[in-house]
Amino acid sequence: MTTESFLYLSRNDVENVNLDMPEIIKLLEIAFKEKGAGKVEMPPKPGIHTQPDAFIHAMPAYIPALHSAGIKWVSGYPANQQRGLPYISGLLILNDDETGFPYAVMDCTWITAYRTGAASALSAKYLARPESRVVGILACGVQGRTNLQALSVLFPIERVYAYDIDPEAKNKYVAEMSEKLGLQIVGVDKPIEAVTESELVVTSGPILKHPRPTIQKDWMQKGAFASAVDFDSYWSPEALAQMDAISTDDHAQFNYYKEAGYFQDTPLPSSDLGELVMGLKPGRQSKNQRMMAMNLGLAMDDMAVAPEIYRRARDMGLGSWLHL
């Protein structure tokens, strides 16, 4: 690989590669198997915080099996939604694992959105009942879309209940995702209506350091699975205490966040996703267990997907070659 130039991929370039969700889930499963075997190098992500509940994170990782090394510099700013800007933005850099030289720089918005949904579905593969057919979506934004798309790959979804504090966002979601996935999607007016009848629940609002408890004890039915993409931001301590097991994607990063003041009322996870994929820890053990994935979002998720985006973009003639 040349050390004199790298491929720059804009957001449109990355989107035009159109890597499909089943492939993303497969790549993440390979990566988490490596993590479970102790072969992934990935420190907890450090960050800076210029606004309340906003973040800018540095996320490095190395996955030897995929020859993938790199870093994502990503921000999440809740107030951007009122500005007509995406909540998530940033750049991802890939480095050659033999020379260390960068060979690709790309927008990370699409990758972040899709790998997060894929991680939820991969967790559900091990923690949810395989026959689950009803989904509840709370927050009808990007993650509400990609999580539903990923779950529909692995589960025989028939009905979806969708809730958002913004009725216009909810109605747009119902129309768009019904057409895209061919599912029966029902917009509901109260959060409880998206939870009580659902076997798979996804919450994906902005991440808050100080939670605003919305989902209450006994809302989630026995045997259901929840993916808390927004951490514990909208779950009451009593609802969290009802979980028979909580899994995360990385123990070290969970503890890092806890030391920083997050998860003060959240039980410690009993497993991480690498342990589940490798069979080192049990997943679902009975049909009546309430199970939750509280994945934090890992650099290895991005590094599992980005090299394939690069290869396909290069072969398709997308992007611009730039000199160092």
C-alpha atoms as a PDB file:
ATOM      1  CA  MET A   1       0.000   0.000   0.000  1.00  0.00           C
ATOM      2  CA  THR A   2       1.351   3.422  -0.964  1.00  0.00           C
ATOM      3  CA  THR A   3       2.386   5.796   1.810  1.00  0.00           C
ATOM      4  CA  GLU A   4       2.042   8.900  -0.327  1.00  0.00           C
ATOM      5  CA  SER A   5      -1.722   9.287  -0.659  1.00  0.00           C
ATOM      6  CA  PHE A   6      -5.027   8.408   0.969  1.00  0.00           C
ATOM      7  CA  LEU A   7      -8.625   8.132  -0.204  1.00  0.00           C
ATOM      8  CA  TYR A   8     -11.033  10.747   1.119  1.00  0.00           C
ATOM      9  CA  LEU A   9     -14.683   9.674   1.209  1.00  0.00           C
ATOM     10  CA  SER A  10     -17.414  12.234   1.776  1.00  0.00           C
ATOM     11  CA  ARG A  11     -20.723  11.413   3.423  1.00  0.00           C
ATOM     12  CA  ASN A  12     -22.292  10.898   0.002  1.00  0.00           C
ATOM     13  CA  ASP A  13     -19.454   8.606  -1.057  1.00  0.00           C
ATOM     14  CA  VAL A  14     -19.912   6.420   2.025  1.00  0.00           C
ATOM     15  CA  GLU A  15     -23.668   6.286   1.540  1.00  0.00           C
ATOM     16  CA  ASN A  16     -23.282   5.412  -2.138  1.00  0.00           C
ATOM     17  CA  VAL A  17     -21.278   2.304  -1.261  1.00  0.00           C
ATOM     18  CA  ASN A  18     -24.590   1.061   0.154  1.00  0.00           C
ATOM     19  CA  LEU A  19     -23.189  -1.723   2.318  1.00  0.00           C
ATOM     20  CA  ASP A  20     -26.249  -3.661   3.424  1.00  0.00           C
ATOM     21  CA  MET A  21     -27.270  -4.429   6.977  1.00  0.00           C
ATOM     22  CA  PRO A  22     -26.782  -8.223   6.888  1.00  0.00           C
ATOM     23  CA  GLU A  23     -23.151  -7.672   5.887  1.00  0.00           C
ATOM     24  CA  ILE A  24     -22.637  -5.137   8.666  1.00  0.00           C
ATOM     25  CA  ILE A  25     -24.063  -7.516  11.264  1.00  0.00           C
ATOM     26  CA  LYS A  26     -21.776 -10.274   9.971  1.00  0.00           C
ATOM     27  CA  LEU A  27     -18.707  -8.021  10.205  1.00  0.00           C
ATOM     28  CA  LEU A  28     -19.586  -7.021  13.754  1.00  0.00           C
ATOM     29  CA  GLU A  29     -20.036 -10.634  14.797  1.00  0.00           C
ATOM     30  CA  ILE A  30     -16.540 -11.426  13.493  1.00  0.00           C
ATOM     31  CA  ALA A  31     -15.140  -8.462  15.410  1.00  0.00           C
ATOM     32  CA  PHE A  32     -16.897  -9.340  18.674  1.00  0.00           C
ATOM     33  CA  LYS A  33     -15.706 -12.918  18.392  1.00  0.00           C
ATOM     34  CA  GLU A  34     -12.173 -11.521  18.250  1.00  0.00           C
ATOM     35  CA  LYS A  35     -12.924  -9.285  21.215  1.00  0.00           C
ATOM     36  CA  GLY A  36     -14.237 -12.246  23.195  1.00  0.00           C
ATOM     37  CA  ALA A  37     -10.994 -14.039  22.446  1.00  0.00           C
ATOM     38  CA  GLY A  38      -9.011 -11.097  23.796  1.00  0.00           C
ATOM     39  CA  LYS A  39      -7.530 -10.156  20.431  1.00  0.00           C
ATOM     40  CA  VAL A  40      -8.881  -6.610  19.992  1.00  0.00           C
ATOM     41  CA  GLU A  41      -6.898  -3.582  21.170  1.00  0.00           C
ATOM     42  CA  MET A  42      -9.270  -0.799  22.177  1.00  0.00           C
ATOM     43  CA  PRO A  43      -8.877   1.664  25.066  1.00  0.00           C
ATOM     44  CA  PRO A  44     -11.998   3.324  26.510  1.00  0.00           C
ATOM     45  CA  LYS A  45     -12.809   6.400  24.479  1.00  0.00           C
ATOM     46  CA  PRO A  46     -11.606   9.709  25.966  1.00  0.00           C
ATOM     47  CA  GLY A  47     -13.693  12.774  25.359  1.00  0.00           C
ATOM     48  CA  ILE A  48     -14.143  16.510  25.765  1.00  0.00           C
ATOM     49  CA  HIS A  49     -17.435  18.226  26.499  1.00  0.00           C
ATOM     50  CA  THR A  50     -18.013  21.796  25.307  1.00  0.00           C
ATOM     51  CA  GLN A  51     -21.763  21.848  25.997  1.00  0.00           C
ATOM     52  CA  PRO A  52     -24.070  20.071  28.478  1.00  0.00           C
ATOM     53  CA  ASP A  53     -24.906  16.526  27.307  1.00  0.00           C
ATOM     54  CA  ALA A  54     -22.653  17.004  24.261  1.00  0.00           C
ATOM     55  CA  PHE A  55     -19.444  15.136  23.557  1.00  0.00           C
ATOM     56  CA  ILE A  56     -16.468  14.914  21.233  1.00  0.00           C
ATOM     57  CA  HIS A  57     -14.804  11.488  21.495  1.00  0.00           C
ATOM     58  CA  ALA A  58     -11.608   9.932  20.207  1.00  0.00           C
ATOM     59  CA  MET A  59     -12.175   6.248  19.435  1.00  0.00           C
ATOM     60  CA  PRO A  60      -9.161   4.111  18.404  1.00  0.00           C
ATOM     61  CA  ALA A  61      -9.198   0.350  17.821  1.00  0.00           C
ATOM     62  CA  TYR A  62      -7.221  -2.450  16.194  1.00  0.00           C
ATOM     63  CA  ILE A  63      -8.800  -5.721  15.017  1.00  0.00           C
ATOM     64  CA  PRO A  64      -5.990  -8.047  13.856  1.00  0.00           C
ATOM     65  CA  ALA A  65      -8.267 -10.574  12.138  1.00  0.00           C
ATOM     66  CA  LEU A  66      -9.610  -7.823   9.862  1.00  0.00           C
ATOM     67  CA  HIS A  67      -6.245  -6.017   9.528  1.00  0.00           C
ATOM     68  CA  SER A  68      -8.165  -2.955  10.648  1.00  0.00           C
ATOM     69  CA  ALA A  69      -6.544  -0.148  12.627  1.00  0.00           C
ATOM     70  CA  GLY A  70      -7.855   3.346  12.955  1.00  0.00           C
ATOM     71  CA  ILE A  71      -9.562   6.053  14.934  1.00  0.00           C
ATOM     72  CA  LYS A  72     -12.873   7.892  14.834  1.00  0.00           C
ATOM     73  CA  TRP A  73     -13.162  11.512  15.964  1.00  0.00           C
ATOM     74  CA  VAL A  74     -16.889  11.896  16.557  1.00  0.00           C
ATOM     75  CA  SER A  75     -19.212  14.393  18.177  1.00  0.00           C
ATOM     76  CA  GLY A  76     -22.778  14.225  19.448  1.00  0.00           C
ATOM     77  CA  TYR A  77     -24.619  17.504  20.053  1.00  0.00           C
ATOM     78  CA  PRO A  78     -28.322  17.232  21.009  1.00  0.00           C
ATOM     79  CA  ALA A  79     -29.026  20.902  20.220  1.00  0.00           C
ATOM     80  CA  ASN A  80     -28.040  20.324  16.585  1.00  0.00           C
ATOM     81  CA  GLN A  81     -31.473  18.899  15.904  1.00  0.00           C
ATOM     82  CA  GLN A  82     -32.985  22.353  16.533  1.00  0.00           C
ATOM     83  CA  ARG A  83     -30.410  23.797  14.128  1.00  0.00           C
ATOM     84  CA  GLY A  84     -31.340  21.409  11.339  1.00  0.00           C
ATOM     85  CA  LEU A  85     -28.001  19.611  11.761  1.00  0.00           C
ATOM     86  CA  PRO A  86     -27.273  15.943  12.489  1.00  0.00           C
ATOM     87  CA  TYR A  87     -26.843  14.938  16.132  1.00  0.00           C
ATOM     88  CA  ILE A  88     -23.742  12.892  15.187  1.00  0.00           C
ATOM     89  CA  SER A  89     -20.847  14.077  13.000  1.00  0.00           C
ATOM     90  CA  GLY A  90     -17.184  13.294  12.604  1.00  0.00           C
ATOM     91  CA  LEU A  91     -14.345  11.728  10.663  1.00  0.00           C
ATOM     92  CA  LEU A  92     -12.775   8.277  10.632  1.00  0.00           C
ATOM     93  CA  ILE A  93      -9.151   7.514   9.726  1.00  0.00           C
ATOM     94  CA  LEU A  94      -7.866   4.080   8.698  1.00  0.00           C
ATOM     95  CA  ASN A  95      -4.171   3.234   9.057  1.00  0.00           C
ATOM     96  CA  ASP A  96      -2.203   0.485   7.375  1.00  0.00           C
ATOM     97  CA  ASP A  97      -1.446  -2.070  10.085  1.00  0.00           C
ATOM     98  CA  GLU A  98       2.062  -2.738   8.726  1.00  0.00           C
ATOM     99  CA  THR A  99       3.355   0.795   8.114  1.00  0.00           C
ATOM    100  CA  GLY A 100       1.013   2.915  10.239  1.00  0.00           C
ATOM    101  CA  PHE A 101       0.383   5.282   7.345  1.00  0.00           C
ATOM    102  CA  PRO A 102      -3.201   6.522   6.836  1.00  0.00           C
ATOM    103  CA  TYR A 103      -4.849   5.173   3.700  1.00  0.00           C
ATOM    104  CA  ALA A 104      -8.416   6.442   4.109  1.00  0.00           C
ATOM    105  CA  VAL A 105     -10.277   9.324   5.713  1.00  0.00           C
ATOM    106  CA  MET A 106     -14.058   9.239   5.617  1.00  0.00           C
ATOM    107  CA  ASP A 107     -17.156  10.826   7.060  1.00  0.00           C
ATOM    108  CA  CYS A 108     -18.366   8.651   9.924  1.00  0.00           C
ATOM    109  CA  THR A 109     -22.043   9.613  10.135  1.00  0.00           C
ATOM    110  CA  TRP A 110     -23.414   6.715   8.076  1.00  0.00           C
ATOM    111  CA  ILE A 111     -21.097   4.132   9.624  1.00  0.00           C
ATOM    112  CA  THR A 112     -21.985   5.252  13.150  1.00  0.00           C
ATOM    113  CA  ALA A 113     -25.691   5.028  12.415  1.00  0.00           C
ATOM    114  CA  TYR A 114     -25.627   1.598  10.828  1.00  0.00           C
ATOM    115  CA  ARG A 115     -23.089  -0.157  13.031  1.00  0.00           C
ATOM    116  CA  THR A 116     -25.041   0.958  16.113  1.00  0.00           C
ATOM    117  CA  GLY A 117     -28.214  -0.626  14.803  1.00  0.00           C
ATOM    118  CA  ALA A 118     -26.272  -3.741  13.875  1.00  0.00           C
ATOM    119  CA  ALA A 119     -24.820  -4.004  17.397  1.00  0.00           C
ATOM    120  CA  SER A 120     -28.319  -3.842  18.887  1.00  0.00           C
ATOM    121  CA  ALA A 121     -29.493  -6.636  16.615  1.00  0.00           C
ATOM    122  CA  LEU A 122     -26.416  -8.737  17.376  1.00  0.00           C
ATOM    123  CA  SER A 123     -27.106  -8.352  21.099  1.00  0.00           C
ATOM    124  CA  ALA A 124     -30.721  -9.313  20.492  1.00  0.00           C
ATOM    125  CA  LYS A 125     -29.584 -12.464  18.720  1.00  0.00           C
ATOM    126  CA  TYR A 126     -28.224 -13.706  22.047  1.00  0.00           C
ATOM    127  CA  LEU A 127     -30.614 -12.012  24.491  1.00  0.00           C
ATOM    128  CA  ALA A 128     -34.050 -11.912  22.830  1.00  0.00           C
ATOM    129  CA  ARG A 129     -36.516 -14.667  22.065  1.00  0.00           C
ATOM    130  CA  PRO A 130     -35.892 -15.691  18.460  1.00  0.00           C
ATOM    131  CA  GLU A 131     -39.612 -15.711  17.655  1.00  0.00           C
ATOM    132  CA  SER A 132     -40.050 -12.043  18.695  1.00  0.00           C
ATOM    133  CA  ARG A 133     -42.381 -10.269  16.272  1.00  0.00           C
ATOM    134  CA  VAL A 134     -43.391  -6.958  17.857  1.00  0.00           C
ATOM    135  CA  VAL A 135     -41.032  -3.977  18.207  1.00  0.00           C
ATOM    136  CA  GLY A 136     -41.389  -0.774  20.200  1.00  0.00           C
ATOM    137  CA  ILE A 137     -39.373   2.232  19.020  1.00  0.00           C
ATOM    138  CA  LEU A 138     -38.996   5.208  21.341  1.00  0.00           C
ATOM    139  CA  ALA A 139     -37.390   8.138  19.486  1.00  0.00           C
ATOM    140  CA  CYS A 140     -37.981   8.137  15.743  1.00  0.00           C
ATOM    141  CA  GLY A 141     -34.640   9.500  14.614  1.00  0.00           C
ATOM    142  CA  VAL A 142     -31.690   7.924  12.835  1.00  0.00           C
ATOM    143  CA  GLN A 143     -31.190   5.191  15.430  1.00  0.00           C
ATOM    144  CA  GLY A 144     -34.885   4.410  15.484  1.00  0.00           C
ATOM    145  CA  ARG A 145     -34.516   3.694  11.778  1.00  0.00           C
ATOM    146  CA  THR A 146     -31.282   1.699  11.711  1.00  0.00           C
ATOM    147  CA  ASN A 147     -32.172  -0.350  14.784  1.00  0.00           C
ATOM    148  CA  LEU A 148     -35.483  -1.399  13.263  1.00  0.00           C
ATOM    149  CA  GLN A 149     -33.763  -2.183   9.974  1.00  0.00           C
ATOM    150  CA  ALA A 150     -31.209  -4.377  11.756  1.00  0.00           C
ATOM    151  CA  LEU A 151     -33.764  -6.169  13.923  1.00  0.00           C
ATOM    152  CA  SER A 152     -35.827  -6.957  10.826  1.00  0.00           C
ATOM    153  CA  VAL A 153     -32.821  -8.858   9.422  1.00  0.00           C
ATOM    154  CA  LEU A 154     -32.684 -11.299  12.353  1.00  0.00           C
ATOM    155  CA  PHE A 155     -36.287 -11.455  13.577  1.00  0.00           C
ATOM    156  CA  PRO A 156     -39.675 -12.155  11.927  1.00  0.00           C
ATOM    157  CA  ILE A 157     -41.001  -8.658  12.651  1.00  0.00           C
ATOM    158  CA  GLU A 158     -44.701  -8.146  11.979  1.00  0.00           C
ATOM    159  CA  ARG A 159     -45.706  -5.030  13.910  1.00  0.00           C
ATOM    160  CA  VAL A 160     -43.978  -1.910  15.207  1.00  0.00           C
ATOM    161  CA  TYR A 161     -45.173   0.685  17.709  1.00  0.00           C
ATOM    162  CA  ALA A 162     -43.423   4.036  17.267  1.00  0.00           C
ATOM    163  CA  TYR A 163     -43.295   6.943  19.725  1.00  0.00           C
ATOM    164  CA  ASP A 164     -41.570  10.324  19.603  1.00  0.00           C
ATOM    165  CA  ILE A 165     -42.069  13.513  21.583  1.00  0.00           C
ATOM    166  CA  ASP A 166     -42.348  15.258  18.202  1.00  0.00           C
ATOM    167  CA  PRO A 167     -45.555  14.087  16.456  1.00  0.00           C
ATOM    168  CA  GLU A 168     -44.245  15.236  13.076  1.00  0.00           C
ATOM    169  CA  ALA A 169     -41.106  13.101  13.470  1.00  0.00           C
ATOM    170  CA  LYS A 170     -43.235  10.129  14.494  1.00  0.00           C
ATOM    171  CA  ASN A 171     -45.583  10.489  11.524  1.00  0.00           C
ATOM    172  CA  LYS A 172     -42.682  10.830   9.111  1.00  0.00           C
ATOM    173  CA  TYR A 173     -41.097   7.701  10.592  1.00  0.00           C
ATOM    174  CA  VAL A 174     -44.290   5.680  10.261  1.00  0.00           C
ATOM    175  CA  ALA A 175     -44.719   6.626   6.601  1.00  0.00           C
ATOM    176  CA  GLU A 176     -41.071   6.185   5.642  1.00  0.00           C
ATOM    177  CA  MET A 177     -40.290   2.940   7.463  1.00  0.00           C
ATOM    178  CA  SER A 178     -43.597   1.271   6.572  1.00  0.00           C
ATOM    179  CA  GLU A 179     -42.757   1.727   2.915  1.00  0.00           C
ATOM    180  CA  LYS A 180     -39.077   0.847   3.272  1.00  0.00           C
ATOM    181  CA  LEU A 181     -39.492  -2.366   5.261  1.00  0.00           C
ATOM    182  CA  GLY A 182     -43.035  -3.408   4.384  1.00  0.00           C
ATOM    183  CA  LEU A 183     -44.023  -3.616   8.042  1.00  0.00           C
ATOM    184  CA  GLN A 184     -47.144  -2.593   9.926  1.00  0.00           C
ATOM    185  CA  ILE A 185     -46.002   0.449  11.903  1.00  0.00           C
ATOM    186  CA  VAL A 186     -48.388   2.164  14.287  1.00  0.00           C
ATOM    187  CA  GLY A 187     -47.695   5.587  15.720  1.00  0.00           C
ATOM    188  CA  VAL A 188     -48.602   5.913  19.397  1.00  0.00           C
ATOM    189  CA  ASP A 189     -49.139   8.953  21.604  1.00  0.00           C
ATOM    190  CA  LYS A 190     -47.625   7.755  24.888  1.00  0.00           C
ATOM    191  CA  PRO A 191     -44.309   6.026  25.662  1.00  0.00           C
ATOM    192  CA  ILE A 192     -46.052   3.255  27.561  1.00  0.00           C
ATOM    193  CA  GLU A 193     -47.927   2.256  24.398  1.00  0.00           C
ATOM    194  CA  ALA A 194     -44.631   1.552  22.625  1.00  0.00           C
ATOM    195  CA  VAL A 195     -43.366  -0.657  25.449  1.00  0.00           C
ATOM    196  CA  THR A 196     -46.078  -2.816  26.992  1.00  0.00           C
ATOM    197  CA  GLU A 197     -47.031  -4.823  23.878  1.00  0.00           C
ATOM    198  CA  SER A 198     -43.515  -5.104  22.478  1.00  0.00           C
ATOM    199  CA  GLU A 199     -41.131  -8.056  22.619  1.00  0.00           C
ATOM    200  CA  LEU A 200     -38.211  -5.966  21.341  1.00  0.00           C
ATOM    201  CA  VAL A 201     -37.872  -2.402  22.664  1.00  0.00           C
ATOM    202  CA  VAL A 202     -35.413   0.240  21.419  1.00  0.00           C
ATOM    203  CA  THR A 203     -34.874   3.579  23.136  1.00  0.00           C
ATOM    204  CA  SER A 204     -32.657   5.990  21.225  1.00  0.00           C
ATOM    205  CA  GLY A 205     -33.051   9.562  22.404  1.00  0.00           C
ATOM    206  CA  PRO A 206     -30.137  11.911  23.116  1.00  0.00           C
ATOM    207  CA  ILE A 207     -27.764  10.565  25.788  1.00  0.00           C
ATOM    208  CA  LEU A 208     -28.119  12.362  29.120  1.00  0.00           C
ATOM    209  CA  LYS A 209     -25.697  12.249  32.032  1.00  0.00           C
ATOM    210  CA  HIS A 210     -28.584  12.898  34.409  1.00  0.00           C
ATOM    211  CA  PRO A 211     -31.486  10.640  33.342  1.00  0.00           C
ATOM    212  CA  ARG A 212     -35.067  11.747  32.829  1.00  0.00           C
ATOM    213  CA  PRO A 213     -36.851   8.548  33.887  1.00  0.00           C
ATOM    214  CA  THR A 214     -39.681   7.818  31.476  1.00  0.00           C
ATOM    215  CA  ILE A 215     -40.004   4.047  31.264  1.00  0.00           C
ATOM    216  CA  GLN A 216     -41.386   2.730  34.517  1.00  0.00           C
ATOM    217  CA  LYS A 217     -41.489  -0.546  36.419  1.00  0.00           C
ATOM    218  CA  ASP A 218     -43.766  -3.224  34.916  1.00  0.00           C
ATOM    219  CA  TRP A 219     -44.046  -1.514  31.525  1.00  0.00           C
ATOM    220  CA  MET A 220     -41.779  -4.067  29.869  1.00  0.00           C
ATOM    221  CA  GLN A 221     -43.392  -7.486  29.638  1.00  0.00           C
ATOM    222  CA  LYS A 222     -41.737 -10.636  30.923  1.00  0.00           C
ATOM    223  CA  GLY A 223     -39.632 -12.263  28.215  1.00  0.00           C
ATOM    224  CA  ALA A 224     -38.969  -8.999  26.381  1.00  0.00           C
ATOM    225  CA  PHE A 225     -35.622  -7.568  25.286  1.00  0.00           C
ATOM    226  CA  ALA A 226     -34.595  -3.920  25.277  1.00  0.00           C
ATOM    227  CA  SER A 227     -31.733  -2.136  23.563  1.00  0.00           C
ATOM    228  CA  ALA A 228     -31.008   1.080  25.446  1.00  0.00           C
ATOM    229  CA  VAL A 229     -29.054   2.914  22.761  1.00  0.00           C
ATOM    230  CA  ASP A 230     -29.376   6.049  24.888  1.00  0.00           C
ATOM    231  CA  PHE A 231     -27.896   4.324  27.963  1.00  0.00           C
ATOM    232  CA  ASP A 232     -30.069   4.753  31.070  1.00  0.00           C
ATOM    233  CA  SER A 233     -31.276   8.201  29.989  1.00  0.00           C
ATOM    234  CA  TYR A 234     -34.987   7.343  29.939  1.00  0.00           C
ATOM    235  CA  TRP A 235     -35.257   4.258  32.167  1.00  0.00           C
ATOM    236  CA  SER A 236     -36.312   4.548  35.800  1.00  0.00           C
ATOM    237  CA  PRO A 237     -34.110   2.793  38.378  1.00  0.00           C
ATOM    238  CA  GLU A 238     -37.072   0.564  39.223  1.00  0.00           C
ATOM    239  CA  ALA A 239     -37.461  -0.514  35.592  1.00  0.00           C
ATOM    240  CA  LEU A 240     -33.741  -1.261  35.341  1.00  0.00           C
ATOM    241  CA  ALA A 241     -33.875  -3.264  38.560  1.00  0.00           C
ATOM    242  CA  GLN A 242     -36.481  -5.544  36.971  1.00  0.00           C
ATOM    243  CA  MET A 243     -34.032  -6.745  34.333  1.00  0.00           C
ATOM    244  CA  ASP A 244     -32.952 -10.342  34.844  1.00  0.00           C
ATOM    245  CA  ALA A 245     -29.704  -9.497  33.092  1.00  0.00           C
ATOM    246  CA  ILE A 246     -28.046  -6.462  31.517  1.00  0.00           C
ATOM    247  CA  SER A 247     -25.314  -6.832  28.927  1.00  0.00           C
ATOM    248  CA  THR A 248     -23.024  -4.171  27.514  1.00  0.00           C
ATOM    249  CA  ASP A 249     -20.507  -4.137  24.683  1.00  0.00           C
ATOM    250  CA  ASP A 250     -17.419  -3.510  26.839  1.00  0.00           C
ATOM    251  CA  HIS A 251     -16.985  -3.786  30.616  1.00  0.00           C
ATOM    252  CA  ALA A 252     -13.992  -1.424  30.729  1.00  0.00           C
ATOM    253  CA  GLN A 253     -15.825   1.309  28.907  1.00  0.00           C
ATOM    254  CA  PHE A 254     -18.940   0.862  31.064  1.00  0.00           C
ATOM    255  CA  ASN A 255     -16.797   1.286  34.182  1.00  0.00           C
ATOM    256  CA  TYR A 256     -15.071   4.295  32.619  1.00  0.00           C
ATOM    257  CA  TYR A 257     -18.451   5.971  32.095  1.00  0.00           C
ATOM    258  CA  LYS A 258     -19.607   5.016  35.582  1.00  0.00           C
ATOM    259  CA  GLU A 259     -16.545   6.665  37.116  1.00  0.00           C
ATOM    260  CA  ALA A 260     -17.383   9.772  35.083  1.00  0.00           C
ATOM    261  CA  GLY A 261     -20.832   9.973  36.714  1.00  0.00           C
ATOM    262  CA  TYR A 262     -23.046   7.956  34.382  1.00  0.00           C
ATOM    263  CA  PHE A 263     -25.062   4.839  35.314  1.00  0.00           C
ATOM    264  CA  GLN A 264     -25.436   5.745  38.988  1.00  0.00           C
ATOM    265  CA  ASP A 265     -28.666   3.739  39.303  1.00  0.00           C
ATOM    266  CA  THR A 266     -27.882   1.043  36.729  1.00  0.00           C
ATOM    267  CA  PRO A 267     -26.989  -2.501  37.817  1.00  0.00           C
ATOM    268  CA  LEU A 268     -23.576  -3.688  36.652  1.00  0.00           C
ATOM    269  CA  PRO A 269     -23.704  -5.700  33.419  1.00  0.00           C
ATOM    270  CA  SER A 270     -23.309  -9.448  33.801  1.00  0.00           C
ATOM    271  CA  SER A 271     -21.801  -9.896  30.331  1.00  0.00           C
ATOM    272  CA  ASP A 272     -20.447  -8.083  27.331  1.00  0.00           C
ATOM    273  CA  LEU A 273     -21.183  -8.784  23.701  1.00  0.00           C
ATOM    274  CA  GLY A 274     -17.818 -10.425  23.015  1.00  0.00           C
ATOM    275  CA  GLU A 275     -18.445 -12.867  25.855  1.00  0.00           C
ATOM    276  CA  LEU A 276     -21.888 -13.672  24.462  1.00  0.00           C
ATOM    277  CA  VAL A 277     -20.621 -14.256  20.920  1.00  0.00           C
ATOM    278  CA  MET A 278     -17.813 -16.487  22.194  1.00  0.00           C
ATOM    279  CA  GLY A 279     -20.145 -18.407  24.510  1.00  0.00           C
ATOM    280  CA  LEU A 280     -18.143 -17.371  27.573  1.00  0.00           C
ATOM    281  CA  LYS A 281     -21.240 -15.997  29.301  1.00  0.00           C
ATOM    282  CA  PRO A 282     -24.849 -17.169  28.961  1.00  0.00           C
ATOM    283  CA  GLY A 283     -27.387 -15.192  26.991  1.00  0.00           C
ATOM    284  CA  ARG A 284     -31.105 -15.789  27.404  1.00  0.00           C
ATOM    285  CA  GLN A 285     -31.787 -18.841  29.553  1.00  0.00           C
ATOM    286  CA  SER A 286     -35.586 -18.809  29.821  1.00  0.00           C
ATOM    287  CA  LYS A 287     -38.527 -17.393  27.896  1.00  0.00           C
ATOM    288  CA  ASN A 288     -39.646 -15.178  30.801  1.00  0.00           C
ATOM    289  CA  GLN A 289     -36.430 -13.243  31.400  1.00  0.00           C
ATOM    290  CA  ARG A 290     -36.381  -9.505  30.883  1.00  0.00           C
ATOM    291  CA  MET A 291     -33.079  -8.800  29.132  1.00  0.00           C
ATOM    292  CA  MET A 292     -31.343  -5.564  28.194  1.00  0.00           C
ATOM    293  CA  ALA A 293     -28.393  -4.545  26.041  1.00  0.00           C
ATOM    294  CA  MET A 294     -26.826  -1.256  27.089  1.00  0.00           C
ATOM    295  CA  ASN A 295     -24.204  -0.949  24.382  1.00  0.00           C
ATOM    296  CA  LEU A 296     -22.054   2.159  24.620  1.00  0.00           C
ATOM    297  CA  GLY A 297     -20.786   2.233  21.043  1.00  0.00           C
ATOM    298  CA  LEU A 298     -17.259   0.993  20.396  1.00  0.00           C
ATOM    299  CA  ALA A 299     -14.441   2.010  18.099  1.00  0.00           C
ATOM    300  CA  MET A 300     -14.136  -1.624  17.020  1.00  0.00           C
ATOM    301  CA  ASP A 301     -17.667  -1.427  15.570  1.00  0.00           C
ATOM    302  CA  ASP A 302     -16.471   1.301  13.226  1.00  0.00           C
ATOM    303  CA  MET A 303     -13.204  -0.453  12.408  1.00  0.00           C
ATOM    304  CA  ALA A 304     -15.114  -3.630  11.560  1.00  0.00           C
ATOM    305  CA  VAL A 305     -17.095  -1.798   8.883  1.00  0.00           C
ATOM    306  CA  ALA A 306     -14.831   0.976   7.566  1.00  0.00           C
ATOM    307  CA  PRO A 307     -12.264  -1.177   5.682  1.00  0.00           C
ATOM    308  CA  GLU A 308     -15.060  -2.792   3.658  1.00  0.00           C
ATOM    309  CA  ILE A 309     -16.466   0.659   2.882  1.00  0.00           C
ATOM    310  CA  TYR A 310     -12.992   1.709   1.731  1.00  0.00           C
ATOM    311  CA  ARG A 311     -12.467  -1.353  -0.491  1.00  0.00           C
ATOM    312  CA  ARG A 312     -15.805  -1.016  -2.217  1.00  0.00           C
ATOM    313  CA  ALA A 313     -15.505   2.735  -2.653  1.00  0.00           C
ATOM    314  CA  ARG A 314     -12.038   2.294  -4.179  1.00  0.00           C
ATOM    315  CA  ASP A 315     -13.302  -0.354  -6.583  1.00  0.00           C
ATOM    316  CA  MET A 316     -16.306   1.812  -7.508  1.00  0.00           C
ATOM    317  CA  GLY A 317     -14.106   4.842  -8.206  1.00  0.00           C
ATOM    318  CA  LEU A 318     -15.670   6.896  -5.422  1.00  0.00           C
ATOM    319  CA  GLY A 319     -13.914   9.558  -3.402  1.00  0.00           C
ATOM    320  CA  SER A 320     -10.823  11.680  -3.985  1.00  0.00           C
ATOM    321  CA  TRP A 321      -7.182  10.655  -3.666  1.00  0.00           C
ATOM    322  CA  LEU A 322      -5.217  13.213  -1.654  1.00  0.00           C
ATOM    323  CA  HIS A 323      -1.491  13.524  -0.968  1.00  0.00           C
ATOM    324  CA  LEU A 324      -0.087  13.563   2.543  1.00  0.00           C
END
